[in-house]
Amino acid sequence: MSLARFLTILACLFMLSGCSVKQFSQGIYEGAQARNQLLTPPGERFEKQAYPAYGDYEHQRTEILKRDSGTAARIP
């Protein structure tokens, strides 16, 4: 492995270790929302329902996980 590649990987690991998991997840969620909005043609943007904010999404997700935690339909 070359020194430049090693330093690049090391720099990425340092940057990722500085981010909290919540901020990282929120960034991915909001980035996916922005991408989907940009890929939607302008005429269809008004027809589509807006995505929930990250806080609402996280609340819905935790409620579903609490509800389904006792079922056998869990993904391994």
PDB file of N, CA and C in Angstrom:
ATOM      1  N   MET A   1       0.860  -1.165   0.000  1.00  0.00           N
ATOM      2  CA  MET A   1       0.000   0.000   0.000  1.00  0.00           C
ATOM      3  C   MET A   1       0.906   1.228   0.000  1.00  0.00           C
ATOM      4  N   SER A   2       0.578   2.176  -0.840  1.00  0.00           N
ATOM      5  CA  SER A   2       1.408   3.373  -0.943  1.00  0.00           C
ATOM      6  C   SER A   2       1.167   4.287   0.251  1.00  0.00           C
ATOM      7  N   LEU A   3       2.109   5.154   0.486  1.00  0.00           N
ATOM      8  CA  LEU A   3       2.030   6.078   1.613  1.00  0.00           C
ATOM      9  C   LEU A   3       0.871   7.060   1.436  1.00  0.00           C
ATOM     10  N   ALA A   4       0.654   7.524   0.214  1.00  0.00           N
ATOM     11  CA  ALA A   4      -0.435   8.471  -0.032  1.00  0.00           C
ATOM     12  C   ALA A   4      -1.789   7.833   0.261  1.00  0.00           C
ATOM     13  N   ARG A   5      -1.955   6.591  -0.157  1.00  0.00           N
ATOM     14  CA  ARG A   5      -3.223   5.903   0.097  1.00  0.00           C
ATOM     15  C   ARG A   5      -3.419   5.674   1.590  1.00  0.00           C
ATOM     16  N   PHE A   6      -2.371   5.298   2.277  1.00  0.00           N
ATOM     17  CA  PHE A   6      -2.439   5.077   3.718  1.00  0.00           C
ATOM     18  C   PHE A   6      -2.814   6.369   4.437  1.00  0.00           C
ATOM     19  N   LEU A   7      -2.212   7.490   4.052  1.00  0.00           N
ATOM     20  CA  LEU A   7      -2.517   8.766   4.697  1.00  0.00           C
ATOM     21  C   LEU A   7      -3.946   9.209   4.403  1.00  0.00           C
ATOM     22  N   THR A   8      -4.437   8.923   3.211  1.00  0.00           N
ATOM     23  CA  THR A   8      -5.815   9.265   2.859  1.00  0.00           C
ATOM     24  C   THR A   8      -6.794   8.468   3.712  1.00  0.00           C
ATOM     25  N   ILE A   9      -6.548   7.190   3.842  1.00  0.00           N
ATOM     26  CA  ILE A   9      -7.414   6.345   4.676  1.00  0.00           C
ATOM     27  C   ILE A   9      -7.362   6.789   6.127  1.00  0.00           C
ATOM     28  N   LEU A  10      -6.182   7.110   6.609  1.00  0.00           N
ATOM     29  CA  LEU A  10      -6.012   7.558   7.987  1.00  0.00           C
ATOM     30  C   LEU A  10      -6.749   8.875   8.224  1.00  0.00           C
ATOM     31  N   ALA A  11      -6.674   9.803   7.272  1.00  0.00           N
ATOM     32  CA  ALA A  11      -7.375  11.083   7.392  1.00  0.00           C
ATOM     33  C   ALA A  11      -8.887  10.869   7.428  1.00  0.00           C
ATOM     34  N   CYS A  12      -9.385   9.961   6.589  1.00  0.00           N
ATOM     35  CA  CYS A  12     -10.825   9.667   6.584  1.00  0.00           C
ATOM     36  C   CYS A  12     -11.270   9.080   7.916  1.00  0.00           C
ATOM     37  N   LEU A  13     -10.481   8.198   8.467  1.00  0.00           N
ATOM     38  CA  LEU A  13     -10.828   7.601   9.761  1.00  0.00           C
ATOM     39  C   LEU A  13     -10.850   8.645  10.867  1.00  0.00           C
ATOM     40  N   PHE A  14      -9.910   9.566  10.846  1.00  0.00           N
ATOM     41  CA  PHE A  14      -9.904  10.636  11.844  1.00  0.00           C
ATOM     42  C   PHE A  14     -11.136  11.526  11.708  1.00  0.00           C
ATOM     43  N   MET A  15     -11.531  11.835  10.485  1.00  0.00           N
ATOM     44  CA  MET A  15     -12.713  12.673  10.283  1.00  0.00           C
ATOM     45  C   MET A  15     -13.971  11.953  10.740  1.00  0.00           C
ATOM     46  N   LEU A  16     -14.069  10.667  10.441  1.00  0.00           N
ATOM     47  CA  LEU A  16     -15.259   9.918  10.843  1.00  0.00           C
ATOM     48  C   LEU A  16     -15.325   9.729  12.351  1.00  0.00           C
ATOM     49  N   SER A  17     -14.186   9.604  12.999  1.00  0.00           N
ATOM     50  CA  SER A  17     -14.197   9.416  14.443  1.00  0.00           C
ATOM     51  C   SER A  17     -14.625  10.685  15.165  1.00  0.00           C
ATOM     52  N   GLY A  18     -14.496  11.836  14.525  1.00  0.00           N
ATOM     53  CA  GLY A  18     -14.922  13.088  15.128  1.00  0.00           C
ATOM     54  C   GLY A  18     -16.419  13.317  15.038  1.00  0.00           C
ATOM     55  N   CYS A  19     -17.100  12.601  14.199  1.00  0.00           N
ATOM     56  CA  CYS A  19     -18.546  12.766  14.026  1.00  0.00           C
ATOM     57  C   CYS A  19     -19.288  11.847  14.972  1.00  0.00           C
ATOM     58  N   SER A  20     -20.359  12.365  15.554  1.00  0.00           N
ATOM     59  CA  SER A  20     -21.189  11.474  16.357  1.00  0.00           C
ATOM     60  C   SER A  20     -22.053  10.653  15.414  1.00  0.00           C
ATOM     61  N   VAL A  21     -22.537   9.566  15.878  1.00  0.00           N
ATOM     62  CA  VAL A  21     -23.353   8.684  15.048  1.00  0.00           C
ATOM     63  C   VAL A  21     -24.643   9.388  14.631  1.00  0.00           C
ATOM     64  N   LYS A  22     -25.241  10.165  15.544  1.00  0.00           N
ATOM     65  CA  LYS A  22     -26.492  10.849  15.221  1.00  0.00           C
ATOM     66  C   LYS A  22     -26.277  11.878  14.122  1.00  0.00           C
ATOM     67  N   GLN A  23     -25.217  12.668  14.222  1.00  0.00           N
ATOM     68  CA  GLN A  23     -24.950  13.677  13.199  1.00  0.00           C
ATOM     69  C   GLN A  23     -24.645  13.021  11.862  1.00  0.00           C
ATOM     70  N   PHE A  24     -23.922  11.925  11.892  1.00  0.00           N
ATOM     71  CA  PHE A  24     -23.589  11.201  10.673  1.00  0.00           C
ATOM     72  C   PHE A  24     -24.860  10.648  10.027  1.00  0.00           C
ATOM     73  N   SER A  25     -25.735  10.050  10.822  1.00  0.00           N
ATOM     74  CA  SER A  25     -26.994   9.508  10.311  1.00  0.00           C
ATOM     75  C   SER A  25     -27.891  10.620   9.776  1.00  0.00           C
ATOM     76  N   GLN A  26     -27.922  11.750  10.483  1.00  0.00           N
ATOM     77  CA  GLN A  26     -28.743  12.868  10.037  1.00  0.00           C
ATOM     78  C   GLN A  26     -28.223  13.417   8.715  1.00  0.00           C
ATOM     79  N   GLY A  27     -26.926  13.483   8.558  1.00  0.00           N
ATOM     80  CA  GLY A  27     -26.344  13.957   7.300  1.00  0.00           C
ATOM     81  C   GLY A  27     -26.682  13.052   6.133  1.00  0.00           C
ATOM     82  N   ILE A  28     -26.628  11.753   6.361  1.00  0.00           N
ATOM     83  CA  ILE A  28     -26.983  10.798   5.308  1.00  0.00           C
ATOM     84  C   ILE A  28     -28.462  10.935   4.951  1.00  0.00           C
ATOM     85  N   TYR A  29     -29.326  11.045   5.963  1.00  0.00           N
ATOM     86  CA  TYR A  29     -30.772  11.169   5.727  1.00  0.00           C
ATOM     87  C   TYR A  29     -31.086  12.430   4.938  1.00  0.00           C
ATOM     88  N   GLU A  30     -30.532  13.560   5.372  1.00  0.00           N
ATOM     89  CA  GLU A  30     -30.817  14.816   4.689  1.00  0.00           C
ATOM     90  C   GLU A  30     -30.194  14.859   3.299  1.00  0.00           C
ATOM     91  N   GLY A  31     -29.046  14.234   3.127  1.00  0.00           N
ATOM     92  CA  GLY A  31     -28.442  14.164   1.803  1.00  0.00           C
ATOM     93  C   GLY A  31     -29.292  13.340   0.842  1.00  0.00           C
ATOM     94  N   ALA A  32     -29.843  12.247   1.337  1.00  0.00           N
ATOM     95  CA  ALA A  32     -30.717  11.417   0.498  1.00  0.00           C
ATOM     96  C   ALA A  32     -31.987  12.175   0.127  1.00  0.00           C
ATOM     97  N   GLN A  33     -32.525  12.965   1.075  1.00  0.00           N
ATOM     98  CA  GLN A  33     -33.701  13.781   0.772  1.00  0.00           C
ATOM     99  C   GLN A  33     -33.395  14.788  -0.326  1.00  0.00           C
ATOM    100  N   ALA A  34     -32.275  15.469  -0.203  1.00  0.00           N
ATOM    101  CA  ALA A  34     -31.898  16.479  -1.195  1.00  0.00           C
ATOM    102  C   ALA A  34     -31.698  15.838  -2.560  1.00  0.00           C
ATOM    103  N   ARG A  35     -31.074  14.679  -2.598  1.00  0.00           N
ATOM    104  CA  ARG A  35     -30.845  13.975  -3.863  1.00  0.00           C
ATOM    105  C   ARG A  35     -32.172  13.595  -4.504  1.00  0.00           C
ATOM    106  N   ASN A  36     -33.091  13.065  -3.719  1.00  0.00           N
ATOM    107  CA  ASN A  36     -34.398  12.678  -4.254  1.00  0.00           C
ATOM    108  C   ASN A  36     -35.168  13.874  -4.783  1.00  0.00           C
ATOM    109  N   GLN A  37     -35.065  15.007  -4.102  1.00  0.00           N
ATOM    110  CA  GLN A  37     -35.748  16.210  -4.573  1.00  0.00           C
ATOM    111  C   GLN A  37     -35.148  16.706  -5.876  1.00  0.00           C
ATOM    112  N   LEU A  38     -33.830  16.628  -5.999  1.00  0.00           N
ATOM    113  CA  LEU A  38     -33.177  17.082  -7.223  1.00  0.00           C
ATOM    114  C   LEU A  38     -33.474  16.167  -8.406  1.00  0.00           C
ATOM    115  N   LEU A  39     -33.680  14.876  -8.144  1.00  0.00           N
ATOM    116  CA  LEU A  39     -33.960  13.930  -9.216  1.00  0.00           C
ATOM    117  C   LEU A  39     -35.427  13.913  -9.635  1.00  0.00           C
ATOM    118  N   THR A  40     -36.287  14.530  -8.834  1.00  0.00           N
ATOM    119  CA  THR A  40     -37.711  14.589  -9.156  1.00  0.00           C
ATOM    120  C   THR A  40     -37.941  15.725 -10.154  1.00  0.00           C
ATOM    121  N   PRO A  41     -38.615  15.446 -11.250  1.00  0.00           N
ATOM    122  CA  PRO A  41     -38.908  16.517 -12.214  1.00  0.00           C
ATOM    123  C   PRO A  41     -39.738  17.628 -11.560  1.00  0.00           C
ATOM    124  N   PRO A  42     -39.546  18.883 -11.991  1.00  0.00           N
ATOM    125  CA  PRO A  42     -40.238  20.007 -11.342  1.00  0.00           C
ATOM    126  C   PRO A  42     -41.759  19.867 -11.293  1.00  0.00           C
ATOM    127  N   GLY A  43     -42.368  19.308 -12.299  1.00  0.00           N
ATOM    128  CA  GLY A  43     -43.816  19.152 -12.297  1.00  0.00           C
ATOM    129  C   GLY A  43     -44.323  18.184 -11.252  1.00  0.00           C
ATOM    130  N   GLU A  44     -43.513  17.230 -10.863  1.00  0.00           N
ATOM    131  CA  GLU A  44     -43.926  16.223  -9.881  1.00  0.00           C
ATOM    132  C   GLU A  44     -43.583  16.610  -8.451  1.00  0.00           C
ATOM    133  N   ARG A  45     -42.775  17.636  -8.256  1.00  0.00           N
ATOM    134  CA  ARG A  45     -42.350  18.017  -6.903  1.00  0.00           C
ATOM    135  C   ARG A  45     -43.516  18.446  -6.030  1.00  0.00           C
ATOM    136  N   PHE A  46     -44.509  19.105  -6.629  1.00  0.00           N
ATOM    137  CA  PHE A  46     -45.647  19.574  -5.848  1.00  0.00           C
ATOM    138  C   PHE A  46     -46.607  18.437  -5.522  1.00  0.00           C
ATOM    139  N   GLU A  47     -46.598  17.393  -6.331  1.00  0.00           N
ATOM    140  CA  GLU A  47     -47.493  16.262  -6.106  1.00  0.00           C
ATOM    141  C   GLU A  47     -46.989  15.343  -5.000  1.00  0.00           C
ATOM    142  N   LYS A  48     -45.665  15.255  -4.855  1.00  0.00           N
ATOM    143  CA  LYS A  48     -45.099  14.356  -3.865  1.00  0.00           C
ATOM    144  C   LYS A  48     -45.238  14.945  -2.467  1.00  0.00           C
ATOM    145  N   GLN A  49     -45.463  14.053  -1.513  1.00  0.00           N
ATOM    146  CA  GLN A  49     -45.537  14.474  -0.127  1.00  0.00           C
ATOM    147  C   GLN A  49     -44.113  14.713   0.375  1.00  0.00           C
ATOM    148  N   ALA A  50     -43.919  15.757   1.144  1.00  0.00           N
ATOM    149  CA  ALA A  50     -42.593  16.088   1.667  1.00  0.00           C
ATOM    150  C   ALA A  50     -42.145  15.016   2.666  1.00  0.00           C
ATOM    151  N   TYR A  51     -40.856  14.785   2.689  1.00  0.00           N
ATOM    152  CA  TYR A  51     -40.295  13.839   3.651  1.00  0.00           C
ATOM    153  C   TYR A  51     -40.345  14.454   5.046  1.00  0.00           C
ATOM    154  N   PRO A  52     -40.485  13.614   6.072  1.00  0.00           N
ATOM    155  CA  PRO A  52     -40.471  14.168   7.433  1.00  0.00           C
ATOM    156  C   PRO A  52     -39.063  14.665   7.788  1.00  0.00           C
ATOM    157  N   ALA A  53     -38.997  15.586   8.728  1.00  0.00           N
ATOM    158  CA  ALA A  53     -37.712  16.069   9.224  1.00  0.00           C
ATOM    159  C   ALA A  53     -37.004  14.914   9.927  1.00  0.00           C
ATOM    160  N   TYR A  54     -35.705  15.042  10.128  1.00  0.00           N
ATOM    161  CA  TYR A  54     -34.933  13.946  10.707  1.00  0.00           C
ATOM    162  C   TYR A  54     -35.434  13.579  12.104  1.00  0.00           C
ATOM    163  N   GLY A  55     -35.791  14.561  12.905  1.00  0.00           N
ATOM    164  CA  GLY A  55     -36.287  14.272  14.255  1.00  0.00           C
ATOM    165  C   GLY A  55     -37.564  13.449  14.222  1.00  0.00           C
ATOM    166  N   ASP A  56     -38.470  13.798  13.316  1.00  0.00           N
ATOM    167  CA  ASP A  56     -39.715  13.027  13.170  1.00  0.00           C
ATOM    168  C   ASP A  56     -39.421  11.616  12.665  1.00  0.00           C
ATOM    169  N   TYR A  57     -38.510  11.524  11.706  1.00  0.00           N
ATOM    170  CA  TYR A  57     -38.122  10.220  11.169  1.00  0.00           C
ATOM    171  C   TYR A  57     -37.532   9.341  12.272  1.00  0.00           C
ATOM    172  N   GLU A  58     -36.645   9.901  13.064  1.00  0.00           N
ATOM    173  CA  GLU A  58     -36.008   9.135  14.143  1.00  0.00           C
ATOM    174  C   GLU A  58     -37.036   8.687  15.175  1.00  0.00           C
ATOM    175  N   HIS A  59     -37.995   9.555  15.487  1.00  0.00           N
ATOM    176  CA  HIS A  59     -39.045   9.193  16.440  1.00  0.00           C
ATOM    177  C   HIS A  59     -39.883   8.031  15.899  1.00  0.00           C
ATOM    178  N   GLN A  60     -40.293   8.113  14.623  1.00  0.00           N
ATOM    179  CA  GLN A  60     -41.066   7.037  14.013  1.00  0.00           C
ATOM    180  C   GLN A  60     -40.269   5.734  13.997  1.00  0.00           C
ATOM    181  N   ARG A  61     -39.004   5.850  13.690  1.00  0.00           N
ATOM    182  CA  ARG A  61     -38.141   4.665  13.612  1.00  0.00           C
ATOM    183  C   ARG A  61     -38.008   3.980  14.975  1.00  0.00           C
ATOM    184  N   THR A  62     -37.788   4.764  16.026  1.00  0.00           N
ATOM    185  CA  THR A  62     -37.645   4.164  17.360  1.00  0.00           C
ATOM    186  C   THR A  62     -38.958   3.545  17.822  1.00  0.00           C
ATOM    187  N   GLU A  63     -40.090   4.174  17.501  1.00  0.00           N
ATOM    188  CA  GLU A  63     -41.380   3.595  17.867  1.00  0.00           C
ATOM    189  C   GLU A  63     -41.602   2.260  17.165  1.00  0.00           C
ATOM    190  N   ILE A  64     -41.254   2.177  15.897  1.00  0.00           N
ATOM    191  CA  ILE A  64     -41.407   0.922  15.156  1.00  0.00           C
ATOM    192  C   ILE A  64     -40.479  -0.142  15.719  1.00  0.00           C
ATOM    193  N   LEU A  65     -39.245   0.239  16.046  1.00  0.00           N
ATOM    194  CA  LEU A  65     -38.314  -0.729  16.611  1.00  0.00           C
ATOM    195  C   LEU A  65     -38.779  -1.226  17.970  1.00  0.00           C
ATOM    196  N   LYS A  66     -39.346  -0.342  18.799  1.00  0.00           N
ATOM    197  CA  LYS A  66     -39.886  -0.760  20.095  1.00  0.00           C
ATOM    198  C   LYS A  66     -41.055  -1.718  19.906  1.00  0.00           C
ATOM    199  N   ARG A  67     -41.930  -1.370  18.965  1.00  0.00           N
ATOM    200  CA  ARG A  67     -43.114  -2.182  18.707  1.00  0.00           C
ATOM    201  C   ARG A  67     -42.743  -3.566  18.189  1.00  0.00           C
ATOM    202  N   ASP A  68     -41.765  -3.633  17.295  1.00  0.00           N
ATOM    203  CA  ASP A  68     -41.417  -4.890  16.654  1.00  0.00           C
ATOM    204  C   ASP A  68     -40.305  -5.663  17.349  1.00  0.00           C
ATOM    205  N   SER A  69     -39.819  -5.186  18.473  1.00  0.00           N
ATOM    206  CA  SER A  69     -38.681  -5.857  19.107  1.00  0.00           C
ATOM    207  C   SER A  69     -39.029  -7.244  19.644  1.00  0.00           C
ATOM    208  N   GLY A  70     -40.284  -7.503  19.936  1.00  0.00           N
ATOM    209  CA  GLY A  70     -40.656  -8.792  20.462  1.00  0.00           C
ATOM    210  C   GLY A  70     -41.122  -9.788  19.403  1.00  0.00           C
ATOM    211  N   THR A  71     -41.174  -9.403  18.157  1.00  0.00           N
ATOM    212  CA  THR A  71     -41.683 -10.295  17.128  1.00  0.00           C
ATOM    213  C   THR A  71     -40.561 -11.168  16.563  1.00  0.00           C
ATOM    214  N   ALA A  72     -40.963 -12.213  15.895  1.00  0.00           N
ATOM    215  CA  ALA A  72     -39.996 -13.134  15.302  1.00  0.00           C
ATOM    216  C   ALA A  72     -39.590 -12.703  13.907  1.00  0.00           C
ATOM    217  N   ALA A  73     -40.127 -11.600  13.415  1.00  0.00           N
ATOM    218  CA  ALA A  73     -39.849 -11.157  12.045  1.00  0.00           C
ATOM    219  C   ALA A  73     -38.646 -10.221  11.986  1.00  0.00           C
ATOM    220  N   ARG A  74     -37.708 -10.412  12.878  1.00  0.00           N
ATOM    221  CA  ARG A  74     -36.531  -9.547  12.899  1.00  0.00           C
ATOM    222  C   ARG A  74     -35.533  -9.990  11.848  1.00  0.00           C
ATOM    223  N   ILE A  75     -34.851  -9.021  11.291  1.00  0.00           N
ATOM    224  CA  ILE A  75     -33.830  -9.300  10.277  1.00  0.00           C
ATOM    225  C   ILE A  75     -32.524  -9.597  10.994  1.00  0.00           C
ATOM    226  N   PRO A  76     -31.855 -10.687  10.651  1.00  0.00           N
ATOM    227  CA  PRO A  76     -30.601 -11.041  11.354  1.00  0.00           C
ATOM    228  C   PRO A  76     -29.488 -10.083  11.056  1.00  0.00           C
TER     229      PRO A  76
END
